[in-house]
């Protein structure tokens, strides 16, 4: 179950980053330039970690499912693969709009869009934890591959 443990570890890391960022992204804190700069750096790191998580899934989780004889596992994999495209696009758009220029002027629109992005990431992680990981454990696909 090493692959699934790695996925869980990345989930924990992403959720911790989101929790920390929620604390940092308060208007009264963002008005202080060093705080805004730190928040910006953490948001950029979140983006890297999210891309890494999705890429690791693309390389380690989905290939065995896409070639599995169980059509339900194949369908599950395709559902999660197609679900990551909107999340990647949403974060890339967010990055281009708010983080690319490094101006650290975080206003109400920024905070609202940040909350939407965080919500999308949290929803993805919750869905993976509630649907994908239990189904993979039940199937034994990775238990057989790692023995």
C-alpha atoms as a PDB file:
ATOM      1  CA  UNK A   1       0.000   0.000   0.000  1.00  0.00           C
ATOM      2  CA  UNK A   2       3.034   2.274  -0.331  1.00  0.00           C
ATOM      3  CA  UNK A   3       1.514   4.238  -3.229  1.00  0.00           C
ATOM      4  CA  UNK A   4      -1.693   4.852  -1.295  1.00  0.00           C
ATOM      5  CA  UNK A   5       0.303   5.909   1.777  1.00  0.00           C
ATOM      6  CA  UNK A   6       2.157   8.431  -0.413  1.00  0.00           C
ATOM      7  CA  UNK A   7      -1.160   9.801  -1.687  1.00  0.00           C
ATOM      8  CA  UNK A   8      -2.391  10.156   1.887  1.00  0.00           C
ATOM      9  CA  UNK A   9       0.843  11.906   2.851  1.00  0.00           C
ATOM     10  CA  UNK A  10       0.430  14.413   0.012  1.00  0.00           C
ATOM     11  CA  UNK A  11      -3.200  14.941   1.073  1.00  0.00           C
ATOM     12  CA  UNK A  12      -2.075  15.715   4.618  1.00  0.00           C
ATOM     13  CA  UNK A  13       0.584  18.117   3.354  1.00  0.00           C
ATOM     14  CA  UNK A  14      -1.843  19.960   1.074  1.00  0.00           C
ATOM     15  CA  UNK A  15      -4.514  20.201   3.765  1.00  0.00           C
ATOM     16  CA  UNK A  16      -1.966  21.542   6.258  1.00  0.00           C
ATOM     17  CA  UNK A  17      -0.823  24.148   3.730  1.00  0.00           C
ATOM     18  CA  UNK A  18      -4.439  25.197   3.136  1.00  0.00           C
ATOM     19  CA  UNK A  19      -5.034  25.475   6.873  1.00  0.00           C
ATOM     20  CA  UNK A  20      -1.922  27.610   7.350  1.00  0.00           C
ATOM     21  CA  UNK A  21      -2.791  29.822   4.394  1.00  0.00           C
ATOM     22  CA  UNK A  22      -6.290  30.430   5.713  1.00  0.00           C
ATOM     23  CA  UNK A  23      -4.693  31.848   8.844  1.00  0.00           C
ATOM     24  CA  UNK A  24      -2.290  34.003   6.811  1.00  0.00           C
ATOM     25  CA  UNK A  25      -4.918  35.372   4.432  1.00  0.00           C
ATOM     26  CA  UNK A  26      -6.616  37.812   6.742  1.00  0.00           C
ATOM     27  CA  UNK A  27      -7.015  41.369   5.417  1.00  0.00           C
ATOM     28  CA  UNK A  28      -5.368  42.862   8.513  1.00  0.00           C
ATOM     29  CA  UNK A  29      -2.318  40.622   8.024  1.00  0.00           C
ATOM     30  CA  UNK A  30      -2.112  41.079   4.262  1.00  0.00           C
ATOM     31  CA  UNK A  31      -1.855  44.849   4.765  1.00  0.00           C
ATOM     32  CA  UNK A  32       1.666  44.281   6.106  1.00  0.00           C
ATOM     33  CA  UNK A  33       3.982  43.794   3.138  1.00  0.00           C
ATOM     34  CA  UNK A  34       6.200  41.027   4.641  1.00  0.00           C
ATOM     35  CA  UNK A  35       3.065  39.060   5.548  1.00  0.00           C
ATOM     36  CA  UNK A  36       1.658  39.543   2.056  1.00  0.00           C
ATOM     37  CA  UNK A  37       4.960  38.419   0.570  1.00  0.00           C
ATOM     38  CA  UNK A  38       5.027  35.311   2.784  1.00  0.00           C
ATOM     39  CA  UNK A  39       1.424  34.514   1.826  1.00  0.00           C
ATOM     40  CA  UNK A  40       2.338  34.902  -1.836  1.00  0.00           C
ATOM     41  CA  UNK A  41       5.283  32.520  -1.464  1.00  0.00           C
ATOM     42  CA  UNK A  42       3.124  29.959   0.333  1.00  0.00           C
ATOM     43  CA  UNK A  43       0.432  30.220  -2.341  1.00  0.00           C
ATOM     44  CA  UNK A  44       3.045  29.601  -5.032  1.00  0.00           C
ATOM     45  CA  UNK A  45       4.352  26.612  -3.074  1.00  0.00           C
ATOM     46  CA  UNK A  46       0.790  25.306  -2.764  1.00  0.00           C
ATOM     47  CA  UNK A  47       0.518  25.462  -6.550  1.00  0.00           C
ATOM     48  CA  UNK A  48       3.734  23.472  -6.969  1.00  0.00           C
ATOM     49  CA  UNK A  49       2.614  20.877  -4.423  1.00  0.00           C
ATOM     50  CA  UNK A  50      -0.803  20.564  -6.071  1.00  0.00           C
ATOM     51  CA  UNK A  51       0.754  20.058  -9.503  1.00  0.00           C
ATOM     52  CA  UNK A  52       3.161  17.513  -8.018  1.00  0.00           C
ATOM     53  CA  UNK A  53       0.291  15.637  -6.351  1.00  0.00           C
ATOM     54  CA  UNK A  54      -1.736  15.448  -9.552  1.00  0.00           C
ATOM     55  CA  UNK A  55       1.317  14.443 -11.608  1.00  0.00           C
ATOM     56  CA  UNK A  56       2.244  11.705  -9.129  1.00  0.00           C
ATOM     57  CA  UNK A  57      -1.289  10.350  -9.382  1.00  0.00           C
ATOM     58  CA  UNK A  58      -1.061  10.447 -13.172  1.00  0.00           C
ATOM     59  CA  UNK A  59       2.148   8.405 -13.040  1.00  0.00           C
ATOM     60  CA  UNK A  60       1.559   6.107 -10.082  1.00  0.00           C
ATOM     61  CA  UNK A  61      -2.151   5.664  -9.425  1.00  0.00           C
ATOM     62  CA  UNK A  62      -4.042   5.788 -12.699  1.00  0.00           C
ATOM     63  CA  UNK A  63      -1.973   3.658 -15.135  1.00  0.00           C
ATOM     64  CA  UNK A  64      -2.640   0.358 -13.321  1.00  0.00           C
ATOM     65  CA  UNK A  65      -6.323   1.242 -13.080  1.00  0.00           C
ATOM     66  CA  UNK A  66      -6.646   2.104 -16.761  1.00  0.00           C
ATOM     67  CA  UNK A  67      -5.333  -1.334 -17.718  1.00  0.00           C
ATOM     68  CA  UNK A  68      -7.257  -3.238 -15.037  1.00  0.00           C
ATOM     69  CA  UNK A  69      -9.866  -5.774 -16.150  1.00  0.00           C
ATOM     70  CA  UNK A  70     -12.489  -4.292 -13.808  1.00  0.00           C
ATOM     71  CA  UNK A  71     -14.454  -1.717 -15.849  1.00  0.00           C
ATOM     72  CA  UNK A  72     -15.538   0.031 -12.645  1.00  0.00           C
ATOM     73  CA  UNK A  73     -11.901   0.731 -11.733  1.00  0.00           C
ATOM     74  CA  UNK A  74     -11.206   2.011 -15.251  1.00  0.00           C
ATOM     75  CA  UNK A  75     -14.249   4.260 -15.046  1.00  0.00           C
ATOM     76  CA  UNK A  76     -13.216   5.504 -11.611  1.00  0.00           C
ATOM     77  CA  UNK A  77      -9.747   6.369 -12.919  1.00  0.00           C
ATOM     78  CA  UNK A  78     -11.133   8.211 -15.944  1.00  0.00           C
ATOM     79  CA  UNK A  79     -13.502  10.153 -13.699  1.00  0.00           C
ATOM     80  CA  UNK A  80     -10.654  11.377 -11.503  1.00  0.00           C
ATOM     81  CA  UNK A  81      -8.410  12.081 -14.487  1.00  0.00           C
ATOM     82  CA  UNK A  82     -11.073  14.203 -16.159  1.00  0.00           C
ATOM     83  CA  UNK A  83     -11.801  15.895 -12.824  1.00  0.00           C
ATOM     84  CA  UNK A  84      -8.248  17.146 -12.425  1.00  0.00           C
ATOM     85  CA  UNK A  85      -8.297  19.175 -15.653  1.00  0.00           C
ATOM     86  CA  UNK A  86     -10.721  21.824 -14.319  1.00  0.00           C
ATOM     87  CA  UNK A  87      -8.776  22.067 -11.050  1.00  0.00           C
ATOM     88  CA  UNK A  88      -5.487  22.571 -12.895  1.00  0.00           C
ATOM     89  CA  UNK A  89      -7.119  25.176 -15.139  1.00  0.00           C
ATOM     90  CA  UNK A  90      -8.711  26.969 -12.182  1.00  0.00           C
ATOM     91  CA  UNK A  91      -5.422  27.186 -10.294  1.00  0.00           C
ATOM     92  CA  UNK A  92      -3.474  28.278 -13.388  1.00  0.00           C
ATOM     93  CA  UNK A  93      -6.004  31.047 -14.061  1.00  0.00           C
ATOM     94  CA  UNK A  94      -5.835  32.078 -10.404  1.00  0.00           C
ATOM     95  CA  UNK A  95      -2.035  32.128 -10.528  1.00  0.00           C
ATOM     96  CA  UNK A  96      -1.959  34.239 -13.701  1.00  0.00           C
ATOM     97  CA  UNK A  97      -4.470  36.691 -12.274  1.00  0.00           C
ATOM     98  CA  UNK A  98      -3.207  37.079  -8.708  1.00  0.00           C
ATOM     99  CA  UNK A  99       0.281  35.693  -8.206  1.00  0.00           C
ATOM    100  CA  UNK A 100       2.271  36.147 -11.411  1.00  0.00           C
ATOM    101  CA  UNK A 101       3.058  39.839 -10.972  1.00  0.00           C
ATOM    102  CA  UNK A 102       4.112  39.657  -7.297  1.00  0.00           C
ATOM    103  CA  UNK A 103       2.434  42.958  -6.456  1.00  0.00           C
ATOM    104  CA  UNK A 104       1.017  41.637  -3.155  1.00  0.00           C
ATOM    105  CA  UNK A 105      -2.108  43.783  -3.435  1.00  0.00           C
ATOM    106  CA  UNK A 106      -4.593  41.262  -2.120  1.00  0.00           C
ATOM    107  CA  UNK A 107      -8.099  42.696  -2.109  1.00  0.00           C
ATOM    108  CA  UNK A 108     -11.570  41.287  -1.444  1.00  0.00           C
ATOM    109  CA  UNK A 109     -11.812  39.789  -4.949  1.00  0.00           C
ATOM    110  CA  UNK A 110      -8.488  38.015  -4.378  1.00  0.00           C
ATOM    111  CA  UNK A 111      -9.690  36.618  -1.046  1.00  0.00           C
ATOM    112  CA  UNK A 112     -12.954  35.424  -2.609  1.00  0.00           C
ATOM    113  CA  UNK A 113     -11.209  33.691  -5.499  1.00  0.00           C
ATOM    114  CA  UNK A 114      -8.636  32.211  -3.127  1.00  0.00           C
ATOM    115  CA  UNK A 115     -11.439  30.700  -1.056  1.00  0.00           C
ATOM    116  CA  UNK A 116     -12.940  29.200  -4.225  1.00  0.00           C
ATOM    117  CA  UNK A 117      -9.602  27.651  -5.205  1.00  0.00           C
ATOM    118  CA  UNK A 118      -9.060  26.309  -1.686  1.00  0.00           C
ATOM    119  CA  UNK A 119     -12.564  24.849  -1.732  1.00  0.00           C
ATOM    120  CA  UNK A 120     -11.891  23.112  -5.047  1.00  0.00           C
ATOM    121  CA  UNK A 121      -8.648  21.610  -3.719  1.00  0.00           C
ATOM    122  CA  UNK A 122     -10.306  20.482  -0.496  1.00  0.00           C
ATOM    123  CA  UNK A 123     -13.206  18.953  -2.437  1.00  0.00           C
ATOM    124  CA  UNK A 124     -10.788  17.053  -4.643  1.00  0.00           C
ATOM    125  CA  UNK A 125      -8.880  15.701  -1.642  1.00  0.00           C
ATOM    126  CA  UNK A 126     -12.089  14.773   0.191  1.00  0.00           C
ATOM    127  CA  UNK A 127     -13.368  12.953  -2.905  1.00  0.00           C
ATOM    128  CA  UNK A 128     -10.086  11.070  -3.263  1.00  0.00           C
ATOM    129  CA  UNK A 129     -10.193  10.114   0.421  1.00  0.00           C
ATOM    130  CA  UNK A 130     -13.862   9.125   0.401  1.00  0.00           C
ATOM    131  CA  UNK A 131     -14.129   7.453  -3.002  1.00  0.00           C
ATOM    132  CA  UNK A 132     -10.815   6.710  -4.692  1.00  0.00           C
ATOM    133  CA  UNK A 133      -8.612   5.453  -1.851  1.00  0.00           C
ATOM    134  CA  UNK A 134     -11.208   3.140  -0.241  1.00  0.00           C
ATOM    135  CA  UNK A 135     -12.018   1.652  -3.652  1.00  0.00           C
ATOM    136  CA  UNK A 136      -8.324   1.095  -4.392  1.00  0.00           C
ATOM    137  CA  UNK A 137      -7.770  -0.549  -1.014  1.00  0.00           C
ATOM    138  CA  UNK A 138     -10.803  -2.752  -1.552  1.00  0.00           C
ATOM    139  CA  UNK A 139      -9.616  -3.779  -5.026  1.00  0.00           C
ATOM    140  CA  UNK A 140      -6.143  -4.749  -3.834  1.00  0.00           C
ATOM    141  CA  UNK A 141      -4.589  -3.407  -7.046  1.00  0.00           C
ATOM    142  CA  UNK A 142      -1.665  -1.782  -5.281  1.00  0.00           C
ATOM    143  CA  UNK A 143      -1.285  -4.427  -2.591  1.00  0.00           C
ATOM    144  CA  UNK A 144      -0.577  -7.006  -5.321  1.00  0.00           C
ATOM    145  CA  UNK A 145       1.774  -4.674  -7.189  1.00  0.00           C
ATOM    146  CA  UNK A 146       3.901  -3.910  -4.114  1.00  0.00           C
ATOM    147  CA  UNK A 147       4.411  -7.466  -2.860  1.00  0.00           C
END
